[in-house]
Structure formats: structure tokens, C-alpha cells
């Protein structure tokens, strides 16, 4: 499964948030054998950016670890609104 987490970030908070997310992702990568990515939508609307964390190849139990890691990292203090978590899985190949 691949986990996609998106949220809004006031541009003024980006410099504080980025190292916190990077540290959290590094810890999750080591603990779960993942290669996470951090992305940002180009530009900002009304001074707010949209960010996305990507965690490819995670297992179903990763959701709890991700929520706990975000809480422990204190990400909410830099984010405007909730973190939205979406989970996708690969489709089986056609025969």
C-alpha cells in the first residue's frame, strides 16, 4: 500500500515544518524500511501552501505508526487544518 498525506501550511511556517517532517520521515524510513518523499504543490494560494508526504510500499499497520509519529513530532503547530491520509494499493495485472 502507498500512503499519501496532504495538508495546508502557512508559508510563514514552512521553514519550521520542513526539518520536523524530514526528521519524522527519516525515523519512519528506518523503522519500516520505506523510502518516503516530501512534496509541495507549486505556488501558494493566499499565503498557504499544500504539502504532501508519500510513503510507498507500507503495510496496513503503518497508519497507526504514522499518526503516532506526526503527533510526537508536533506537526500540528505548523499546519493549517487537518492532515488528510489517503491509502492506495496496486491493481493486479490483467491476464
PDB file of N, CA and C in Angstrom:
ATOM      1  N   UNK A   1       0.827  -1.174   0.000  1.00  0.00           N
ATOM      2  CA  UNK A   1       0.000   0.000   0.000  1.00  0.00           C
ATOM      3  C   UNK A   1       0.877   1.244   0.000  1.00  0.00           C
ATOM      4  N   UNK A   2       0.342   2.283  -0.596  1.00  0.00           N
ATOM      5  CA  UNK A   2       1.028   3.574  -0.603  1.00  0.00           C
ATOM      6  C   UNK A   2       0.177   4.573   0.175  1.00  0.00           C
ATOM      7  N   UNK A   3       0.801   5.285   1.084  1.00  0.00           N
ATOM      8  CA  UNK A   3       0.125   6.288   1.894  1.00  0.00           C
ATOM      9  C   UNK A   3       0.478   7.670   1.355  1.00  0.00           C
ATOM     10  N   UNK A   4      -0.548   8.495   1.169  1.00  0.00           N
ATOM     11  CA  UNK A   4      -0.386   9.882   0.731  1.00  0.00           C
ATOM     12  C   UNK A   4      -1.037  10.763   1.794  1.00  0.00           C
ATOM     13  N   UNK A   5      -0.277  11.709   2.313  1.00  0.00           N
ATOM     14  CA  UNK A   5      -0.776  12.587   3.367  1.00  0.00           C
ATOM     15  C   UNK A   5      -0.633  14.018   2.873  1.00  0.00           C
ATOM     16  N   UNK A   6      -1.760  14.728   2.800  1.00  0.00           N
ATOM     17  CA  UNK A   6      -1.680  16.116   2.338  1.00  0.00           C
ATOM     18  C   UNK A   6      -2.299  17.043   3.369  1.00  0.00           C
ATOM     19  N   UNK A   7      -1.803  18.282   3.364  1.00  0.00           N
ATOM     20  CA  UNK A   7      -2.251  19.271   4.339  1.00  0.00           C
ATOM     21  C   UNK A   7      -1.824  20.655   3.887  1.00  0.00           C
ATOM     22  N   UNK A   8      -2.416  21.667   4.510  1.00  0.00           N
ATOM     23  CA  UNK A   8      -2.135  23.073   4.203  1.00  0.00           C
ATOM     24  C   UNK A   8      -1.117  23.622   5.196  1.00  0.00           C
ATOM     25  N   UNK A   9      -0.207  24.440   4.691  1.00  0.00           N
ATOM     26  CA  UNK A   9       0.856  25.018   5.513  1.00  0.00           C
ATOM     27  C   UNK A   9       0.950  26.519   5.224  1.00  0.00           C
ATOM     28  N   UNK A  10       0.745  27.366   6.228  1.00  0.00           N
ATOM     29  CA  UNK A  10       1.011  28.790   6.007  1.00  0.00           C
ATOM     30  C   UNK A  10       2.478  28.961   5.587  1.00  0.00           C
ATOM     31  N   UNK A  11       2.723  29.743   4.543  1.00  0.00           N
ATOM     32  CA  UNK A  11       4.083  29.901   4.029  1.00  0.00           C
ATOM     33  C   UNK A  11       5.058  30.342   5.121  1.00  0.00           C
ATOM     34  N   UNK A  12       4.589  31.118   6.067  1.00  0.00           N
ATOM     35  CA  UNK A  12       5.453  31.582   7.156  1.00  0.00           C
ATOM     36  C   UNK A  12       5.907  30.441   8.068  1.00  0.00           C
ATOM     37  N   UNK A  13       5.221  29.304   8.030  1.00  0.00           N
ATOM     38  CA  UNK A  13       5.570  28.162   8.890  1.00  0.00           C
ATOM     39  C   UNK A  13       6.420  27.106   8.178  1.00  0.00           C
ATOM     40  N   UNK A  14       6.612  27.268   6.869  1.00  0.00           N
ATOM     41  CA  UNK A  14       7.295  26.242   6.078  1.00  0.00           C
ATOM     42  C   UNK A  14       8.710  25.949   6.575  1.00  0.00           C
ATOM     43  N   UNK A  15       9.454  26.975   6.938  1.00  0.00           N
ATOM     44  CA  UNK A  15      10.842  26.777   7.364  1.00  0.00           C
ATOM     45  C   UNK A  15      10.929  25.972   8.661  1.00  0.00           C
ATOM     46  N   UNK A  16       9.963  26.102   9.535  1.00  0.00           N
ATOM     47  CA  UNK A  16       9.953  25.313  10.766  1.00  0.00           C
ATOM     48  C   UNK A  16       9.444  23.907  10.558  1.00  0.00           C
ATOM     49  N   UNK A  17       8.480  23.763   9.663  1.00  0.00           N
ATOM     50  CA  UNK A  17       7.871  22.452   9.432  1.00  0.00           C
ATOM     51  C   UNK A  17       8.787  21.502   8.686  1.00  0.00           C
ATOM     52  N   UNK A  18       9.494  21.982   7.671  1.00  0.00           N
ATOM     53  CA  UNK A  18      10.272  21.082   6.814  1.00  0.00           C
ATOM     54  C   UNK A  18      11.270  20.217   7.583  1.00  0.00           C
ATOM     55  N   UNK A  19      12.090  20.754   8.490  1.00  0.00           N
ATOM     56  CA  UNK A  19      13.013  19.861   9.195  1.00  0.00           C
ATOM     57  C   UNK A  19      12.295  18.896  10.135  1.00  0.00           C
ATOM     58  N   UNK A  20      11.146  19.301  10.666  1.00  0.00           N
ATOM     59  CA  UNK A  20      10.389  18.398  11.542  1.00  0.00           C
ATOM     60  C   UNK A  20       9.848  17.209  10.749  1.00  0.00           C
ATOM     61  N   UNK A  21       9.319  17.480   9.560  1.00  0.00           N
ATOM     62  CA  UNK A  21       8.818  16.392   8.714  1.00  0.00           C
ATOM     63  C   UNK A  21       9.973  15.509   8.247  1.00  0.00           C
ATOM     64  N   UNK A  22      11.086  16.113   7.871  1.00  0.00           N
ATOM     65  CA  UNK A  22      12.244  15.333   7.411  1.00  0.00           C
ATOM     66  C   UNK A  22      12.736  14.388   8.505  1.00  0.00           C
ATOM     67  N   UNK A  23      12.803  14.876   9.725  1.00  0.00           N
ATOM     68  CA  UNK A  23      13.246  14.019  10.838  1.00  0.00           C
ATOM     69  C   UNK A  23      12.245  12.898  11.085  1.00  0.00           C
ATOM     70  N   UNK A  24      10.966  13.215  11.037  1.00  0.00           N
ATOM     71  CA  UNK A  24       9.936  12.197  11.235  1.00  0.00           C
ATOM     72  C   UNK A  24      10.012  11.137  10.137  1.00  0.00           C
ATOM     73  N   UNK A  25      10.160  11.584   8.893  1.00  0.00           N
ATOM     74  CA  UNK A  25      10.241  10.637   7.788  1.00  0.00           C
ATOM     75  C   UNK A  25      11.491   9.762   7.869  1.00  0.00           C
ATOM     76  N   UNK A  26      12.594  10.330   8.312  1.00  0.00           N
ATOM     77  CA  UNK A  26      13.818   9.535   8.456  1.00  0.00           C
ATOM     78  C   UNK A  26      13.617   8.440   9.498  1.00  0.00           C
ATOM     79  N   UNK A  27      12.967   8.771  10.601  1.00  0.00           N
ATOM     80  CA  UNK A  27      12.707   7.777  11.642  1.00  0.00           C
ATOM     81  C   UNK A  27      11.755   6.695  11.129  1.00  0.00           C
ATOM     82  N   UNK A  28      10.711   7.094  10.412  1.00  0.00           N
ATOM     83  CA  UNK A  28       9.775   6.114   9.859  1.00  0.00           C
ATOM     84  C   UNK A  28      10.444   5.238   8.809  1.00  0.00           C
ATOM     85  N   UNK A  29      11.315   5.829   8.005  1.00  0.00           N
ATOM     86  CA  UNK A  29      12.023   5.059   6.984  1.00  0.00           C
ATOM     87  C   UNK A  29      12.869   3.969   7.621  1.00  0.00           C
ATOM     88  N   UNK A  30      13.589   4.325   8.680  1.00  0.00           N
ATOM     89  CA  UNK A  30      14.429   3.346   9.353  1.00  0.00           C
ATOM     90  C   UNK A  30      13.627   2.259  10.041  1.00  0.00           C
ATOM     91  N   UNK A  31      12.529   2.630  10.660  1.00  0.00           N
ATOM     92  CA  UNK A  31      11.730   1.666  11.409  1.00  0.00           C
ATOM     93  C   UNK A  31      10.889   0.760  10.518  1.00  0.00           C
ATOM     94  N   UNK A  32      10.516   1.252   9.326  1.00  0.00           N
ATOM     95  CA  UNK A  32       9.597   0.493   8.479  1.00  0.00           C
ATOM     96  C   UNK A  32      10.168   0.129   7.119  1.00  0.00           C
ATOM     97  N   UNK A  33      11.435   0.460   6.876  1.00  0.00           N
ATOM     98  CA  UNK A  33      12.067   0.096   5.610  1.00  0.00           C
ATOM     99  C   UNK A  33      11.434   0.765   4.398  1.00  0.00           C
ATOM    100  N   UNK A  34      11.055   2.024   4.546  1.00  0.00           N
ATOM    101  CA  UNK A  34      10.393   2.765   3.469  1.00  0.00           C
ATOM    102  C   UNK A  34      11.330   3.811   2.881  1.00  0.00           C
ATOM    103  N   UNK A  35      10.935   4.330   1.725  1.00  0.00           N
ATOM    104  CA  UNK A  35      11.647   5.445   1.098  1.00  0.00           C
ATOM    105  C   UNK A  35      10.639   6.575   0.911  1.00  0.00           C
ATOM    106  N   UNK A  36      10.348   7.336   1.976  1.00  0.00           N
ATOM    107  CA  UNK A  36       9.336   8.386   1.883  1.00  0.00           C
ATOM    108  C   UNK A  36       9.812   9.576   1.059  1.00  0.00           C
ATOM    109  N   UNK A  37       8.847  10.391   0.647  1.00  0.00           N
ATOM    110  CA  UNK A  37       9.131  11.622  -0.087  1.00  0.00           C
ATOM    111  C   UNK A  37       8.282  12.741   0.504  1.00  0.00           C
ATOM    112  N   UNK A  38       8.777  13.961   0.372  1.00  0.00           N
ATOM    113  CA  UNK A  38       8.033  15.149   0.782  1.00  0.00           C
ATOM    114  C   UNK A  38       7.909  16.050  -0.434  1.00  0.00           C
ATOM    115  N   UNK A  39       6.669  16.453  -0.742  1.00  0.00           N
ATOM    116  CA  UNK A  39       6.411  17.253  -1.934  1.00  0.00           C
ATOM    117  C   UNK A  39       5.577  18.474  -1.553  1.00  0.00           C
ATOM    118  N   UNK A  40       5.616  19.466  -2.435  1.00  0.00           N
ATOM    119  CA  UNK A  40       4.819  20.673  -2.231  1.00  0.00           C
ATOM    120  C   UNK A  40       4.230  21.088  -3.573  1.00  0.00           C
ATOM    121  N   UNK A  41       2.962  21.463  -3.551  1.00  0.00           N
ATOM    122  CA  UNK A  41       2.341  21.980  -4.770  1.00  0.00           C
ATOM    123  C   UNK A  41       3.020  23.307  -5.109  1.00  0.00           C
ATOM    124  N   UNK A  42       3.328  23.556  -6.385  1.00  0.00           N
ATOM    125  CA  UNK A  42       3.952  24.832  -6.748  1.00  0.00           C
ATOM    126  C   UNK A  42       3.044  26.010  -6.389  1.00  0.00           C
ATOM    127  N   UNK A  43       3.658  27.070  -5.929  1.00  0.00           N
ATOM    128  CA  UNK A  43       2.916  28.279  -5.609  1.00  0.00           C
ATOM    129  C   UNK A  43       2.195  28.183  -4.273  1.00  0.00           C
ATOM    130  N   UNK A  44       1.494  29.258  -3.954  1.00  0.00           N
ATOM    131  CA  UNK A  44       0.720  29.328  -2.722  1.00  0.00           C
ATOM    132  C   UNK A  44      -0.535  30.147  -2.998  1.00  0.00           C
ATOM    133  N   UNK A  45      -1.622  29.739  -2.402  1.00  0.00           N
ATOM    134  CA  UNK A  45      -2.872  30.482  -2.529  1.00  0.00           C
ATOM    135  C   UNK A  45      -3.118  31.221  -1.226  1.00  0.00           C
ATOM    136  N   UNK A  46      -3.170  32.531  -1.297  1.00  0.00           N
ATOM    137  CA  UNK A  46      -3.394  33.356  -0.100  1.00  0.00           C
ATOM    138  C   UNK A  46      -2.363  33.072   0.994  1.00  0.00           C
ATOM    139  N   UNK A  47      -1.111  32.823   0.593  1.00  0.00           N
ATOM    140  CA  UNK A  47      -0.041  32.588   1.550  1.00  0.00           C
ATOM    141  C   UNK A  47      -0.045  31.207   2.178  1.00  0.00           C
ATOM    142  N   UNK A  48      -0.803  30.279   1.587  1.00  0.00           N
ATOM    143  CA  UNK A  48      -0.887  28.915   2.130  1.00  0.00           C
ATOM    144  C   UNK A  48      -0.429  27.927   1.054  1.00  0.00           C
ATOM    145  N   UNK A  49       0.458  27.032   1.437  1.00  0.00           N
ATOM    146  CA  UNK A  49       0.987  26.010   0.538  1.00  0.00           C
ATOM    147  C   UNK A  49       0.282  24.677   0.817  1.00  0.00           C
ATOM    148  N   UNK A  50       0.289  23.799  -0.180  1.00  0.00           N
ATOM    149  CA  UNK A  50      -0.201  22.434   0.017  1.00  0.00           C
ATOM    150  C   UNK A  50       1.000  21.502  -0.046  1.00  0.00           C
ATOM    151  N   UNK A  51       1.179  20.710   1.007  1.00  0.00           N
ATOM    152  CA  UNK A  51       2.283  19.757   1.096  1.00  0.00           C
ATOM    153  C   UNK A  51       1.736  18.339   1.040  1.00  0.00           C
ATOM    154  N   UNK A  52       2.596  17.409   0.599  1.00  0.00           N
ATOM    155  CA  UNK A  52       2.230  16.010   0.576  1.00  0.00           C
ATOM    156  C   UNK A  52       3.412  15.150   1.001  1.00  0.00           C
ATOM    157  N   UNK A  53       3.142  14.246   1.915  1.00  0.00           N
ATOM    158  CA  UNK A  53       4.097  13.210   2.293  1.00  0.00           C
ATOM    159  C   UNK A  53       3.680  11.937   1.566  1.00  0.00           C
ATOM    160  N   UNK A  54       4.655  11.201   1.044  1.00  0.00           N
ATOM    161  CA  UNK A  54       4.381   9.969   0.319  1.00  0.00           C
ATOM    162  C   UNK A  54       5.179   8.842   0.978  1.00  0.00           C
ATOM    163  N   UNK A  55       4.480   7.741   1.250  1.00  0.00           N
ATOM    164  CA  UNK A  55       5.093   6.568   1.874  1.00  0.00           C
ATOM    165  C   UNK A  55       4.746   5.340   1.030  1.00  0.00           C
ATOM    166  N   UNK A  56       5.557   5.030   0.007  1.00  0.00           N
ATOM    167  CA  UNK A  56       5.252   3.879  -0.848  1.00  0.00           C
ATOM    168  C   UNK A  56       5.655   2.564  -0.189  1.00  0.00           C
ATOM    169  N   UNK A  57       4.831   1.543  -0.446  1.00  0.00           N
ATOM    170  CA  UNK A  57       5.177   0.193  -0.005  1.00  0.00           C
ATOM    171  C   UNK A  57       4.994  -0.076   1.467  1.00  0.00           C
ATOM    172  N   UNK A  58       4.108   0.657   2.130  1.00  0.00           N
ATOM    173  CA  UNK A  58       3.871   0.453   3.564  1.00  0.00           C
ATOM    174  C   UNK A  58       2.848  -0.661   3.766  1.00  0.00           C
ATOM    175  N   UNK A  59       2.836  -1.233   4.968  1.00  0.00           N
ATOM    176  CA  UNK A  59       1.832  -2.239   5.270  1.00  0.00           C
ATOM    177  C   UNK A  59       0.646  -1.588   5.984  1.00  0.00           C
ATOM    178  N   UNK A  60      -0.416  -2.343   6.157  1.00  0.00           N
ATOM    179  CA  UNK A  60      -1.646  -1.799   6.736  1.00  0.00           C
ATOM    180  C   UNK A  60      -1.418  -1.248   8.143  1.00  0.00           C
ATOM    181  N   UNK A  61      -0.530  -1.812   8.904  1.00  0.00           N
ATOM    182  CA  UNK A  61      -0.245  -1.339  10.253  1.00  0.00           C
ATOM    183  C   UNK A  61       0.491  -0.015  10.310  1.00  0.00           C
ATOM    184  N   UNK A  62       0.925   0.469   9.175  1.00  0.00           N
ATOM    185  CA  UNK A  62       1.686   1.714   9.132  1.00  0.00           C
ATOM    186  C   UNK A  62       0.844   2.920   9.532  1.00  0.00           C
ATOM    187  N   UNK A  63      -0.453   2.863   9.338  1.00  0.00           N
ATOM    188  CA  UNK A  63      -1.323   4.008   9.641  1.00  0.00           C
ATOM    189  C   UNK A  63      -1.174   4.450  11.091  1.00  0.00           C
ATOM    190  N   UNK A  64      -1.148   3.515  12.002  1.00  0.00           N
ATOM    191  CA  UNK A  64      -1.018   3.852  13.421  1.00  0.00           C
ATOM    192  C   UNK A  64       0.358   4.447  13.716  1.00  0.00           C
ATOM    193  N   UNK A  65       1.400   3.880  13.122  1.00  0.00           N
ATOM    194  CA  UNK A  65       2.751   4.398  13.324  1.00  0.00           C
ATOM    195  C   UNK A  65       2.885   5.816  12.771  1.00  0.00           C
ATOM    196  N   UNK A  66       2.283   6.073  11.632  1.00  0.00           N
ATOM    197  CA  UNK A  66       2.327   7.390  11.019  1.00  0.00           C
ATOM    198  C   UNK A  66       1.619   8.427  11.891  1.00  0.00           C
ATOM    199  N   UNK A  67       0.440   8.084  12.388  1.00  0.00           N
ATOM    200  CA  UNK A  67      -0.307   9.010  13.248  1.00  0.00           C
ATOM    201  C   UNK A  67       0.473   9.308  14.524  1.00  0.00           C
ATOM    202  N   UNK A  68       1.060   8.284  15.121  1.00  0.00           N
ATOM    203  CA  UNK A  68       1.838   8.478  16.348  1.00  0.00           C
ATOM    204  C   UNK A  68       3.075   9.333  16.082  1.00  0.00           C
ATOM    205  N   UNK A  69       3.726   9.123  14.949  1.00  0.00           N
ATOM    206  CA  UNK A  69       4.931   9.886  14.619  1.00  0.00           C
ATOM    207  C   UNK A  69       4.596  11.359  14.383  1.00  0.00           C
ATOM    208  N   UNK A  70       3.490  11.637  13.701  1.00  0.00           N
ATOM    209  CA  UNK A  70       3.086  13.024  13.459  1.00  0.00           C
ATOM    210  C   UNK A  70       2.747  13.723  14.770  1.00  0.00           C
ATOM    211  N   UNK A  71       2.088  13.014  15.659  1.00  0.00           N
ATOM    212  CA  UNK A  71       1.755  13.578  16.977  1.00  0.00           C
ATOM    213  C   UNK A  71       3.029  13.859  17.770  1.00  0.00           C
ATOM    214  N   UNK A  72       3.937  12.894  17.798  1.00  0.00           N
ATOM    215  CA  UNK A  72       5.186  13.052  18.554  1.00  0.00           C
ATOM    216  C   UNK A  72       6.043  14.186  17.993  1.00  0.00           C
ATOM    217  N   UNK A  73       6.000  14.389  16.687  1.00  0.00           N
ATOM    218  CA  UNK A  73       6.786  15.449  16.048  1.00  0.00           C
ATOM    219  C   UNK A  73       6.148  16.824  16.239  1.00  0.00           C
ATOM    220  N   UNK A  74       4.913  16.867  16.696  1.00  0.00           N
ATOM    221  CA  UNK A  74       4.236  18.146  16.916  1.00  0.00           C
ATOM    222  C   UNK A  74       3.933  18.905  15.635  1.00  0.00           C
ATOM    223  N   UNK A  75       3.652  18.179  14.562  1.00  0.00           N
ATOM    224  CA  UNK A  75       3.448  18.834  13.268  1.00  0.00           C
ATOM    225  C   UNK A  75       2.249  19.774  13.261  1.00  0.00           C
ATOM    226  N   UNK A  76       1.254  19.513  14.083  1.00  0.00           N
ATOM    227  CA  UNK A  76       0.024  20.316  14.069  1.00  0.00           C
ATOM    228  C   UNK A  76       0.283  21.799  14.326  1.00  0.00           C
ATOM    229  N   UNK A  77       1.352  22.126  15.019  1.00  0.00           N
ATOM    230  CA  UNK A  77       1.604  23.542  15.330  1.00  0.00           C
ATOM    231  C   UNK A  77       1.958  24.369  14.098  1.00  0.00           C
ATOM    232  N   UNK A  78       2.381  23.710  13.016  1.00  0.00           N
ATOM    233  CA  UNK A  78       2.750  24.424  11.788  1.00  0.00           C
ATOM    234  C   UNK A  78       1.708  24.303  10.681  1.00  0.00           C
ATOM    235  N   UNK A  79       0.728  23.454  10.870  1.00  0.00           N
ATOM    236  CA  UNK A  79      -0.224  23.116   9.809  1.00  0.00           C
ATOM    237  C   UNK A  79      -1.546  23.839  10.029  1.00  0.00           C
ATOM    238  N   UNK A  80      -2.165  24.270   8.940  1.00  0.00           N
ATOM    239  CA  UNK A  80      -3.483  24.903   8.995  1.00  0.00           C
ATOM    240  C   UNK A  80      -4.534  23.850   8.659  1.00  0.00           C
ATOM    241  N   UNK A  81      -5.229  23.347   9.662  1.00  0.00           N
ATOM    242  CA  UNK A  81      -6.262  22.333   9.433  1.00  0.00           C
ATOM    243  C   UNK A  81      -5.721  20.932   9.605  1.00  0.00           C
ATOM    244  N   UNK A  82      -6.509  19.945   9.200  1.00  0.00           N
ATOM    245  CA  UNK A  82      -6.133  18.543   9.423  1.00  0.00           C
ATOM    246  C   UNK A  82      -5.150  18.006   8.386  1.00  0.00           C
ATOM    247  N   UNK A  83      -4.505  16.909   8.763  1.00  0.00           N
ATOM    248  CA  UNK A  83      -3.726  16.109   7.821  1.00  0.00           C
ATOM    249  C   UNK A  83      -4.691  15.087   7.223  1.00  0.00           C
ATOM    250  N   UNK A  84      -4.711  14.993   5.906  1.00  0.00           N
ATOM    251  CA  UNK A  84      -5.605  14.050   5.222  1.00  0.00           C
ATOM    252  C   UNK A  84      -4.769  12.859   4.755  1.00  0.00           C
ATOM    253  N   UNK A  85      -5.133  11.667   5.180  1.00  0.00           N
ATOM    254  CA  UNK A  85      -4.399  10.459   4.815  1.00  0.00           C
ATOM    255  C   UNK A  85      -5.223   9.667   3.808  1.00  0.00           C
ATOM    256  N   UNK A  86      -4.611   9.355   2.685  1.00  0.00           N
ATOM    257  CA  UNK A  86      -5.227   8.532   1.638  1.00  0.00           C
ATOM    258  C   UNK A  86      -4.338   7.307   1.446  1.00  0.00           C
ATOM    259  N   UNK A  87      -4.963   6.158   1.237  1.00  0.00           N
ATOM    260  CA  UNK A  87      -4.224   4.915   1.033  1.00  0.00           C
ATOM    261  C   UNK A  87      -4.630   4.330  -0.308  1.00  0.00           C
ATOM    262  N   UNK A  88      -3.640   3.960  -1.116  1.00  0.00           N
ATOM    263  CA  UNK A  88      -3.882   3.349  -2.417  1.00  0.00           C
ATOM    264  C   UNK A  88      -3.128   2.032  -2.478  1.00  0.00           C
ATOM    265  N   UNK A  89      -3.666   1.109  -3.242  1.00  0.00           N
ATOM    266  CA  UNK A  89      -2.988  -0.165  -3.461  1.00  0.00           C
ATOM    267  C   UNK A  89      -2.853  -0.415  -4.947  1.00  0.00           C
ATOM    268  N   UNK A  90      -1.866  -1.202  -5.303  1.00  0.00           N
ATOM    269  CA  UNK A  90      -1.650  -1.551  -6.710  1.00  0.00           C
ATOM    270  C   UNK A  90      -2.779  -2.451  -7.208  1.00  0.00           C
ATOM    271  N   UNK A  91      -3.154  -2.264  -8.455  1.00  0.00           N
ATOM    272  CA  UNK A  91      -4.113  -3.152  -9.076  1.00  0.00           C
ATOM    273  C   UNK A  91      -3.387  -4.394  -9.588  1.00  0.00           C
ATOM    274  N   UNK A  92      -4.033  -5.538  -9.528  1.00  0.00           N
ATOM    275  CA  UNK A  92      -3.380  -6.726 -10.092  1.00  0.00           C
ATOM    276  C   UNK A  92      -3.275  -6.575 -11.602  1.00  0.00           C
ATOM    277  N   UNK A  93      -2.218  -7.128 -12.181  1.00  0.00           N
ATOM    278  CA  UNK A  93      -2.072  -7.024 -13.643  1.00  0.00           C
ATOM    279  C   UNK A  93      -3.183  -7.790 -14.356  1.00  0.00           C
ATOM    280  N   UNK A  94      -3.545  -7.326 -15.538  1.00  0.00           N
ATOM    281  CA  UNK A  94      -4.539  -8.029 -16.355  1.00  0.00           C
ATOM    282  C   UNK A  94      -3.886  -9.264 -16.957  1.00  0.00           C
ATOM    283  N   UNK A  95      -4.646 -10.329 -17.026  1.00  0.00           N
ATOM    284  CA  UNK A  95      -4.098 -11.603 -17.547  1.00  0.00           C
ATOM    285  C   UNK A  95      -4.176 -11.668 -19.042  1.00  0.00           C
TER     286      UNK A  95
END
